[in-house]
Protein backbone atom coordinates (compact mmCIF):
# COMPACT_ATOMS: atom_id res chain seq x y z
CA MET A 1 36.55 -60.45 29.97
CA ARG A 2 37.00 -62.09 26.77
CA LEU A 3 40.67 -62.45 27.32
CA THR A 4 40.05 -64.01 30.65
CA VAL A 5 37.78 -66.64 29.14
CA ARG A 6 40.18 -67.46 26.42
CA LEU A 7 42.98 -67.86 28.83
CA VAL A 8 40.80 -70.03 31.08
CA VAL A 9 39.53 -72.37 27.99
CA TRP A 10 43.19 -72.78 26.66
CA PHE A 11 44.50 -73.49 30.05
CA PHE A 12 41.52 -75.92 30.94
CA LEU A 13 42.20 -77.51 27.72
CA CYS A 14 45.83 -78.16 28.24
CA VAL A 15 45.11 -79.61 31.56
CA VAL A 16 42.49 -81.97 30.02
CA PHE A 17 44.92 -82.90 27.36
CA ALA A 18 47.88 -83.53 29.77
CA VAL A 19 45.48 -85.53 32.18
CA GLY A 20 44.03 -87.52 29.43
CA ILE A 21 47.34 -88.20 28.09
CA ASN A 22 48.29 -89.52 31.63
CA GLY A 23 44.95 -91.63 31.62
CA TYR A 24 45.72 -93.07 28.40
CA LEU A 25 49.08 -94.29 29.61
CA ALA A 26 47.78 -95.37 32.96
CA VAL A 27 45.37 -97.71 31.09
CA ARG A 28 48.08 -99.18 28.79
CA SER A 29 50.14 -99.77 32.11
CA GLU A 30 47.14 -101.45 33.57
CA LEU A 31 46.62 -103.70 30.40
CA GLU A 32 50.30 -104.59 30.33
CA ARG A 33 50.28 -105.39 34.06
CA PHE A 34 47.33 -107.69 33.52
CA GLU A 35 48.98 -109.45 30.71
CA SER A 36 52.08 -109.90 32.50
CA ASP A 37 50.56 -111.10 35.50
CA ALA A 38 48.49 -113.69 33.49
CA ALA A 39 51.64 -114.79 31.76
CA ALA A 40 53.51 -115.09 35.08
CA ARG A 41 50.81 -117.18 36.62
CA HIS A 42 50.73 -119.48 33.28
CA VAL A 43 54.62 -120.00 33.67
CA VAL A 44 54.07 -120.91 37.33
CA ILE A 45 51.60 -123.36 36.71
CA GLY A 46 53.41 -124.66 33.77
CA LEU A 47 56.49 -125.38 35.45
CA VAL A 48 55.03 -126.99 38.13
CA LEU A 49 53.11 -129.34 35.57
CA ARG A 50 56.02 -129.85 33.58
CA ALA A 51 57.80 -131.58 36.39
CA ALA A 52 55.00 -133.78 37.32
CA PHE A 53 54.23 -134.55 33.90
CA ALA A 54 57.43 -135.54 33.06
CA GLU A 55 57.79 -137.92 35.93
CA VAL A 56 54.77 -139.35 35.49
CA MET A 57 55.65 -139.97 31.75
CA ASP A 58 58.94 -141.72 32.80
CA THR A 59 57.14 -143.96 35.34
CA ASP A 60 53.60 -144.63 33.98
CA GLY A 61 53.83 -143.89 30.53
CA GLU A 62 52.30 -141.36 28.05
CA ALA A 63 48.68 -142.46 28.48
CA ARG A 64 48.65 -142.06 32.35
CA ALA A 65 50.66 -138.51 32.05
CA VAL A 66 48.14 -137.33 29.60
CA SER A 67 45.35 -138.41 31.80
CA VAL A 68 46.74 -136.68 34.83
CA LEU A 69 46.96 -133.49 32.90
CA ASP A 70 43.37 -133.67 31.59
CA TYR A 71 42.23 -134.21 35.22
CA THR A 72 44.33 -131.15 36.32
CA ASP A 73 42.74 -129.11 33.41
CA LYS A 74 39.35 -129.98 34.42
CA HIS A 75 39.88 -128.52 38.15
CA ILE A 76 41.70 -125.63 37.03
CA ARG A 77 39.07 -123.30 36.00
CA LEU A 78 40.82 -120.12 34.78
CA VAL A 79 43.36 -122.09 32.62
CA ASP A 80 43.16 -124.43 29.81
CA ILE A 81 46.02 -126.79 29.51
CA ARG A 82 47.08 -128.97 26.64
CA TRP A 83 50.18 -130.95 25.95
CA VAL A 84 51.28 -130.13 22.52
CA HIS A 85 53.85 -131.33 19.86
CA LEU A 86 55.97 -129.14 17.88
CA GLU A 87 56.57 -131.20 14.75
CA VAL A 88 55.15 -129.79 11.65
CA ASP A 89 53.35 -133.49 11.19
CA ALA A 90 52.06 -133.39 14.60
CA PRO A 91 48.38 -135.08 15.24
CA GLU A 92 45.83 -132.35 14.99
CA ASP A 93 44.78 -132.68 18.41
CA ARG A 94 48.20 -131.98 19.40
CA LYS A 95 49.09 -129.12 17.26
CA PRO A 96 49.56 -125.66 19.33
CA ASN A 97 47.28 -122.59 18.40
CA ALA A 98 50.25 -120.43 17.95
CA PRO A 99 52.39 -120.69 14.68
CA LEU A 100 55.45 -122.89 14.89
CA ALA A 101 57.51 -120.20 13.76
CA LYS A 102 56.57 -118.12 17.12
CA LEU A 103 57.58 -121.07 19.07
CA ALA A 104 61.32 -121.41 18.12
CA PRO A 105 62.37 -119.86 21.50
CA LEU A 106 61.10 -123.13 23.09
CA ARG A 107 63.87 -125.05 21.58
CA ALA A 108 66.20 -122.74 23.91
CA ASP A 109 64.22 -123.69 26.82
CA GLN A 110 62.64 -120.17 26.84
CA GLU A 111 58.85 -119.68 27.59
CA VAL A 112 56.67 -118.15 24.71
CA HIS A 113 53.60 -116.16 25.18
CA ASP A 114 51.16 -115.24 21.97
CA LYS A 115 47.77 -113.41 22.01
CA ALA A 116 45.13 -114.59 19.40
CA ASP A 117 41.33 -114.48 19.13
CA GLY A 118 40.76 -112.92 22.59
CA LYS A 119 42.97 -115.39 24.61
CA LEU A 120 46.51 -115.50 26.11
CA PHE A 121 48.56 -118.69 25.10
CA SER A 122 51.46 -119.62 27.17
CA TYR A 123 54.16 -122.18 26.08
CA VAL A 124 56.47 -123.97 28.53
CA PRO A 125 58.94 -126.36 26.96
CA VAL A 126 58.88 -130.07 28.28
CA HIS A 127 61.94 -132.34 27.75
CA ILE A 128 61.46 -135.87 27.84
CA GLU A 129 64.32 -138.25 27.17
CA GLY A 130 63.73 -140.33 24.04
CA ARG A 131 60.98 -138.06 22.63
CA PRO A 132 60.89 -134.96 20.35
CA LEU A 133 60.70 -131.47 22.01
CA SER A 134 57.03 -130.86 23.16
CA ALA A 135 55.38 -128.21 25.21
CA LEU A 136 52.60 -127.51 27.81
CA GLU A 137 50.08 -124.91 26.30
CA LEU A 138 48.23 -122.86 28.87
CA SER A 139 45.54 -120.49 27.68
CA ALA A 140 43.31 -118.04 29.40
CA SER A 141 40.63 -115.75 27.97
CA LEU A 142 41.32 -112.04 27.98
CA ASP A 143 37.64 -111.24 28.67
CA GLY A 144 38.97 -109.93 32.39
CA GLU A 145 41.17 -107.40 30.46
CA ARG A 146 37.94 -105.61 29.12
CA THR A 147 36.98 -105.45 33.00
CA VAL A 148 40.22 -103.99 33.87
CA VAL A 149 40.28 -101.49 31.35
CA ARG A 150 36.72 -100.13 31.97
CA ASP A 151 37.87 -99.81 35.47
CA ALA A 152 40.83 -97.91 34.56
CA ILE A 153 39.17 -95.90 32.25
CA LEU A 154 36.26 -94.78 34.71
CA ARG A 155 39.10 -94.04 37.28
CA GLU A 156 40.82 -92.00 34.62
CA VAL A 157 37.80 -90.28 33.57
CA ARG A 158 36.81 -89.38 37.28
CA ALA A 159 40.20 -88.00 37.89
CA VAL A 160 40.10 -85.84 34.60
CA ALA A 161 36.75 -84.68 35.51
CA THR A 162 37.67 -83.78 38.97
CA VAL A 163 41.19 -81.97 38.07
CA ALA A 164 39.42 -80.32 34.91
CA ILE A 165 36.56 -78.85 37.33
CA ALA A 166 39.19 -77.81 40.03
CA VAL A 167 41.60 -76.20 37.38
CA GLY A 168 38.74 -74.57 35.74
CA ILE A 169 37.47 -72.97 38.78
CA ALA A 170 40.86 -72.05 39.80
CA ALA A 171 41.76 -70.52 36.52
CA ALA A 172 38.61 -68.63 36.43
CA LEU A 173 39.29 -67.01 39.83
CA LEU A 174 42.93 -66.29 38.75
CA GLY A 175 41.98 -64.99 35.44
CA ILE A 176 39.29 -62.75 36.80
CA PHE A 177 41.45 -61.34 39.65
CA LEU A 178 44.78 -61.25 37.71
CA VAL A 179 43.79 -60.43 34.34
CA GLY A 180 40.14 -59.66 34.11
CA ARG A 181 39.62 -56.90 36.54
CA PRO A 182 43.13 -55.06 35.87
CA MET A 183 42.09 -55.03 32.18
CA ARG A 184 38.73 -53.64 32.90
CA ARG A 185 40.08 -50.83 34.73
CA ILE A 186 42.72 -50.30 32.04
CA VAL A 187 39.80 -50.29 29.36
CA GLU A 188 37.67 -47.78 31.31
CA HIS A 189 40.72 -45.67 31.83
CA ALA A 190 41.30 -45.72 27.99
CA ARG A 191 37.64 -44.81 27.42
CA ARG A 192 37.99 -41.76 29.83
CA ILE A 193 41.12 -40.81 27.93
CA GLY A 194 39.11 -40.89 24.67
CA LYS A 195 36.38 -38.66 26.24
CA GLY A 196 39.15 -36.28 27.12
CA ASP A 197 39.71 -36.98 30.81
CA LEU A 198 43.36 -37.20 31.31
CA SER A 199 43.44 -38.02 35.01
CA PRO A 200 45.69 -40.81 36.08
CA MET A 201 44.40 -44.16 37.12
CA PRO A 202 45.13 -45.44 40.76
CA ALA A 203 48.86 -46.91 40.65
CA SER A 204 48.73 -50.82 41.40
CA PRO A 205 51.07 -52.31 43.71
CA ARG A 206 51.43 -55.44 41.40
CA ARG A 207 54.91 -55.86 39.48
CA ASP A 208 53.37 -57.42 36.21
CA GLU A 209 52.67 -56.65 32.43
CA ILE A 210 49.38 -55.34 33.36
CA SER A 211 50.46 -52.94 35.87
CA GLU A 212 53.27 -51.80 33.88
CA LEU A 213 50.96 -51.09 31.01
CA GLY A 214 48.71 -48.87 33.52
CA ARG A 215 51.80 -46.99 34.48
CA GLU A 216 52.80 -46.35 30.67
CA MET A 217 49.07 -45.19 30.24
CA ASN A 218 49.37 -42.82 33.10
CA ALA A 219 52.65 -41.45 31.73
CA MET A 220 50.93 -41.01 28.54
CA CYS A 221 48.26 -39.13 30.06
CA ALA A 222 50.48 -36.69 31.59
CA GLN A 223 52.34 -36.34 28.26
CA LEU A 224 48.86 -35.71 26.63
CA ALA A 225 48.19 -33.24 29.37
CA ASP A 226 51.41 -31.39 28.89
CA ALA A 227 50.84 -31.54 25.06
CA GLN A 228 47.11 -30.14 25.44
CA GLU A 229 48.24 -27.14 27.66
CA ALA A 230 51.03 -26.34 25.13
CA LYS A 231 48.42 -26.46 22.23
CA LEU A 232 46.18 -24.28 24.15
CA VAL A 233 48.83 -21.84 24.79
CA ALA A 234 49.69 -21.96 20.79
CA LEU A 235 46.28 -21.50 19.83
CA ASP A 236 45.91 -18.39 22.35
CA GLN A 237 48.93 -16.94 20.65
CA LEU A 238 47.69 -17.68 17.37
CA ARG A 239 44.41 -16.03 18.18
CA ARG A 240 46.22 -12.96 19.51
CA ALA A 241 48.38 -12.56 16.47
CA GLU A 242 45.51 -12.84 14.19
CA ARG A 243 43.66 -10.36 16.39
CA LEU A 244 46.44 -7.84 16.28
CA SER A 245 46.62 -8.16 12.53
CA THR A 246 42.96 -7.50 12.41
CA VAL A 247 43.50 -4.64 14.82
CA GLY A 248 45.97 -2.89 12.19
CA LYS A 249 43.23 -3.19 9.52
CA LEU A 250 40.82 -1.72 11.56
CA ALA A 251 43.20 1.21 12.74
CA SER A 252 43.72 1.87 9.27
CA GLY A 253 40.03 2.40 8.52
CA LEU A 254 39.75 4.10 11.98
CA ALA A 255 42.35 6.59 11.03
CA HIS A 256 40.42 7.43 7.84
CA GLU A 257 37.05 7.56 10.08
CA LEU A 258 38.70 9.93 12.52
CA GLY A 259 39.42 12.66 9.85
CA THR A 260 35.91 14.06 9.39
CA PRO A 261 35.18 14.51 13.23
CA LEU A 262 38.57 16.12 13.52
CA ASN A 263 37.97 18.44 10.78
CA VAL A 264 34.75 19.60 12.37
CA ILE A 265 36.32 20.04 15.80
CA THR A 266 39.14 21.88 14.36
CA LEU A 267 36.57 24.40 12.35
CA ARG A 268 34.49 24.65 15.49
CA ALA A 269 37.21 25.44 17.80
CA LYS A 270 38.87 28.11 15.50
CA ALA A 271 35.57 29.77 15.23
CA ILE A 272 35.16 29.90 19.07
CA ALA A 273 38.79 31.17 19.41
CA GLN A 274 38.70 33.88 16.66
CA GLY A 275 35.21 35.04 18.18
CA ARG A 276 33.10 34.21 15.12
CA ALA A 277 30.83 32.11 17.10
CA ALA A 278 29.44 34.14 20.00
CA GLY A 279 26.36 33.49 22.09
CA PRO A 280 24.07 30.67 20.70
CA GLY A 281 26.66 30.26 17.81
CA ALA A 282 29.29 29.45 20.44
CA GLN A 283 27.03 27.02 22.09
CA GLU A 284 26.10 25.01 19.07
CA ALA A 285 29.74 25.07 18.09
CA ALA A 286 30.61 23.44 21.58
CA LYS A 287 27.81 20.97 21.24
CA SER A 288 28.91 19.87 17.62
CA ILE A 289 32.49 19.46 19.07
CA GLY A 290 31.19 17.35 21.87
CA GLU A 291 29.26 14.91 19.44
CA GLN A 292 32.23 14.62 17.31
CA THR A 293 34.66 13.81 20.47
CA SER A 294 31.86 11.43 21.72
CA LYS A 295 31.59 9.74 18.13
CA MET A 296 35.59 9.41 18.04
CA THR A 297 35.72 7.97 21.84
CA ASN A 298 33.37 5.46 20.75
CA LEU A 299 35.18 4.33 17.77
CA VAL A 300 38.69 4.28 19.61
CA ARG A 301 36.82 2.42 22.69
CA GLN A 302 35.36 -0.30 20.08
CA LEU A 303 39.00 -0.76 18.76
CA LEU A 304 40.55 -0.89 22.17
CA ASP A 305 37.84 -3.45 23.32
CA PHE A 306 38.59 -5.51 20.32
CA ALA A 307 42.10 -5.36 20.61
CA ARG A 308 42.52 -5.94 24.45
CA ARG A 309 43.59 -9.39 25.58
CA LYS A 310 40.84 -11.07 27.72
CA ALA A 311 40.91 -14.40 29.40
CA PRO A 312 38.24 -16.87 28.05
CA HIS A 313 35.14 -16.68 29.74
CA ARG A 314 31.83 -18.50 28.73
CA ASP A 315 28.54 -16.35 29.29
CA VAL A 316 25.18 -15.84 27.62
CA VAL A 317 25.78 -14.41 24.24
CA ASN A 318 22.98 -12.62 22.03
CA VAL A 319 24.32 -13.63 18.50
CA GLU A 320 22.17 -11.00 16.76
CA GLU A 321 23.59 -8.02 18.73
CA LEU A 322 26.96 -9.67 18.15
CA ALA A 323 26.46 -9.78 14.48
CA LYS A 324 25.27 -5.89 14.52
CA ARG A 325 28.06 -4.77 16.81
CA THR A 326 30.72 -6.59 14.91
CA ALA A 327 29.53 -5.38 11.59
CA ASP A 328 29.56 -1.52 13.33
CA LEU A 329 33.26 -2.32 14.36
CA VAL A 330 34.38 -3.33 10.65
CA GLU A 331 32.06 -0.82 9.11
CA THR A 332 34.95 1.76 8.82
CA VAL A 333 37.30 -0.69 6.84
CA ALA A 334 34.40 -1.48 4.66
CA ALA A 335 33.62 2.06 3.64
CA LYS A 336 37.21 2.37 2.27
CA SER A 337 36.34 -0.50 0.19
CA LYS A 338 33.03 0.59 -1.11
CA VAL A 339 31.38 -2.34 0.90
CA ARG A 340 28.52 -2.14 2.68
CA PHE A 341 26.74 -4.39 5.27
CA ASP A 342 23.20 -5.86 5.00
CA VAL A 343 22.50 -7.32 8.49
CA ARG A 344 19.12 -9.20 8.68
CA VAL A 345 18.40 -10.31 12.29
CA GLY A 346 14.72 -11.66 12.45
CA GLY A 347 14.71 -11.77 16.26
CA GLY A 348 13.80 -14.73 18.21
CA VAL A 349 17.29 -16.50 17.78
CA PRO A 350 18.22 -18.14 20.95
CA LYS A 351 21.19 -16.87 22.83
CA VAL A 352 24.16 -19.10 23.28
CA GLN A 353 26.52 -20.11 25.98
CA GLY A 354 30.03 -18.67 24.70
CA ASP A 355 32.83 -16.42 24.95
CA ALA A 356 31.70 -13.38 23.38
CA SER A 357 35.17 -11.96 22.56
CA GLN A 358 36.17 -15.01 20.60
CA LEU A 359 32.97 -15.22 18.55
CA GLU A 360 33.45 -11.61 17.83
CA GLN A 361 36.71 -12.37 16.69
CA VAL A 362 35.21 -14.97 14.22
CA LEU A 363 33.08 -12.71 12.67
CA THR A 364 35.53 -10.11 12.39
CA ASN A 365 37.81 -12.32 10.37
CA LEU A 366 34.88 -13.38 8.28
CA PHE A 367 33.76 -9.97 7.71
CA VAL A 368 37.31 -8.64 6.85
CA ASN A 369 37.93 -11.83 4.45
CA ALA A 370 34.43 -10.64 2.54
CA ILE A 371 35.87 -7.22 2.03
CA HIS A 372 39.10 -8.38 0.62
CA ALA A 373 37.13 -10.61 -1.70
CA MET A 374 35.26 -7.59 -3.33
CA PRO A 375 38.06 -5.26 -4.39
CA GLY A 376 35.47 -3.25 -6.39
CA GLY A 377 32.81 -2.90 -3.68
CA GLY A 378 29.59 -4.70 -2.86
CA ALA A 379 27.62 -5.84 -0.09
CA ILE A 380 28.27 -8.37 2.84
CA HIS A 381 25.01 -10.16 3.93
CA VAL A 382 24.74 -11.15 7.35
CA ALA A 383 22.06 -13.16 8.74
CA THR A 384 21.29 -15.25 12.13
CA THR A 385 18.58 -17.94 12.02
CA LEU A 386 17.67 -21.02 13.96
CA VAL A 387 17.85 -24.07 11.63
CA THR A 388 17.40 -28.07 11.57
CA LYS A 389 20.81 -29.39 10.29
CA THR A 390 22.74 -32.64 10.16
CA PRO A 391 26.30 -31.85 11.39
CA PRO A 392 29.33 -33.58 10.01
CA ALA A 393 30.37 -37.09 11.38
CA ASP A 394 32.73 -36.02 13.92
CA HIS A 395 30.10 -33.98 15.58
CA GLY A 396 27.90 -36.99 16.04
CA GLY A 397 26.11 -36.65 12.56
CA LYS A 398 22.58 -36.63 14.37
CA LYS A 399 20.06 -34.27 13.15
CA GLY A 400 19.09 -31.36 15.41
CA SER A 401 18.64 -27.51 15.92
CA TRP A 402 21.50 -25.32 15.38
CA ILE A 403 21.95 -21.62 15.45
CA GLU A 404 23.40 -20.31 11.86
CA ILE A 405 25.03 -17.28 11.50
CA SER A 406 25.72 -16.79 7.67
CA VAL A 407 28.10 -14.47 5.99
CA ARG A 408 27.65 -13.99 2.27
CA ASP A 409 29.88 -11.85 -0.22
CA GLU A 410 29.59 -11.00 -3.51
CA GLY A 411 32.97 -11.66 -4.74
CA ASN A 412 34.56 -14.00 -7.20
CA GLY A 413 34.29 -17.18 -5.10
CA ILE A 414 37.00 -19.53 -4.30
CA THR A 415 38.69 -21.94 -6.75
CA GLU A 416 38.06 -25.89 -6.28
CA GLU A 417 42.07 -26.13 -5.90
CA THR A 418 41.96 -23.64 -2.65
CA LEU A 419 38.78 -24.58 -1.14
CA PRO A 420 40.23 -27.84 0.54
CA HIS A 421 43.11 -25.61 2.08
CA ILE A 422 41.44 -22.36 3.44
CA PHE A 423 41.22 -23.75 7.06
CA GLU A 424 44.78 -24.71 7.22
CA PRO A 425 47.35 -22.59 9.20
CA PHE A 426 49.18 -20.12 7.19
CA PHE A 427 47.43 -20.89 4.00
CA THR A 428 46.67 -17.59 2.10
CA THR A 429 46.08 -16.51 -1.44
CA LYS A 430 46.78 -12.78 -0.43
CA ASP A 431 50.21 -10.97 -1.32
CA VAL A 432 53.18 -11.38 0.78
CA GLY A 433 52.49 -8.76 3.64
CA GLU A 434 48.75 -8.70 3.33
CA GLY A 435 47.73 -11.76 5.30
CA THR A 436 48.97 -13.97 8.13
CA GLY A 437 47.20 -17.00 6.65
CA LEU A 438 45.66 -17.62 10.43
CA GLY A 439 42.20 -15.89 10.13
CA LEU A 440 40.26 -18.97 8.98
CA ALA A 441 42.22 -21.43 10.96
CA VAL A 442 41.57 -19.43 14.13
CA CYS A 443 38.01 -19.11 13.15
CA TYR A 444 37.76 -23.02 12.67
CA GLY A 445 39.50 -23.47 16.14
CA ILE A 446 36.97 -21.18 17.97
CA VAL A 447 33.93 -22.36 16.60
CA ARG A 448 34.96 -26.07 17.26
CA ASP A 449 35.91 -25.50 20.79
CA HIS A 450 32.20 -24.06 21.23
CA GLY A 451 30.89 -27.29 20.06
CA GLY A 452 30.15 -26.14 16.60
CA TRP A 453 31.35 -25.97 12.77
CA ILE A 454 31.97 -23.88 9.91
CA ASP A 455 30.09 -24.62 6.33
CA VAL A 456 31.39 -23.04 3.06
CA LYS A 457 29.34 -22.70 -0.09
CA THR A 458 31.21 -20.97 -2.87
CA ALA A 459 30.65 -20.50 -6.78
CA VAL A 460 33.12 -19.01 -9.14
CA ARG A 461 31.95 -15.33 -9.93
CA GLU A 462 28.94 -15.70 -7.70
CA GLY A 463 30.44 -15.26 -4.14
CA THR A 464 30.96 -17.45 -1.19
CA THR A 465 28.95 -18.08 1.93
CA PHE A 466 30.54 -18.82 5.31
CA ALA A 467 27.94 -20.49 7.83
CA VAL A 468 28.82 -20.76 11.46
CA TYR A 469 26.59 -23.18 13.17
CA LEU A 470 26.55 -23.02 17.11
CA PRO A 471 24.78 -26.06 19.06
CA LYS A 472 21.33 -25.25 20.37
CA GLU A 473 22.07 -27.72 23.40
CA LEU A 474 24.45 -24.54 24.95
CA SER A 475 21.51 -22.41 24.55
């Protein structure tokens, strides 16, 4: 709307300026016409009087001619008439009001006009045989000129006001319909794009720059939608790759974990086969085989559930059970590195709306990283709590209630040089072949998709704490 107002104001000012210039020229033209008409009247009167004055001068003498001229002057109210001499030493009452230098054209039998002291003076040459050149001076007040100017100005002011109002209304309506409303639709569309709505705006049948901008924005939305879809596919592939990498690490621990149950099953089966276990002993051996088989089945099922590709699905997730279940899954890998889990869930933490499989992948990656951070063994401390926290600026920055899942290790911490890069894809401090560099990047993306963020606190030789915050609003 501000653009429309500016266009209307500028257009209004331009029109007023143009009409004002035209009015000024019209007033000047009126003045020139008024003076031209007055000068023409003077010339007509002067020419008529000149002939009569010269004739009376020839027949009756100067006194009679001057008397007739004075009589005429008294009866013509709008014009004052005098007979003037053009010599330098002329009598005072016969000297012209205009300077003699300006009256030189009279010698060429041309009329002369001059303005002075608010009057218009006109001079008509008089040729009398035997006498020096003289002239009739006709003068009239220019007070009427003021009336002409005032009337002309009033006419122009009325014209300017009428045109300005008409143009202002027309420009405002045109600005609203041609600029204001289309621009408002484009602004609203841009705001929807900013909120993630990439649906196109209705096409305009018009063929102007604003409509072209709308079509380009629709094309941009289509490109953004394609890019967003490609991004989601790439993220899914990255998460899948990281999940498979984690599966490999878990499988290594699982192979070690399956060794003990398999040995028990083998020994019990041999005892039954060789007849060393009969009667109650055979039943006990069979029961032991069943228990160990069930244990191995659970271990394998956990690994398969983690590795199985699932479509994203939001549901109610109990974060306390999720933390304990994920710790149980990774415990086999932790045991190989002499790492134990300390899971503390006090109960009462609200459930969240999220994808359990993706959140499990986040905790699995954090647990595996914590294990690698303690090559000499140690403990991973896991806790779930409801906290009051102020999120980062890109999450609104408003203080509120958040669900916190903290994972703290007892390793050597993260250096200041490394810390700013830990969430970058393919960044890793592990040896070649030991890490993909996708773990924390995938974790960050999943948590962000759930409306939360990950905070990191670390100190050299004191360990690192990763805190996952999920919004209570989804609870």
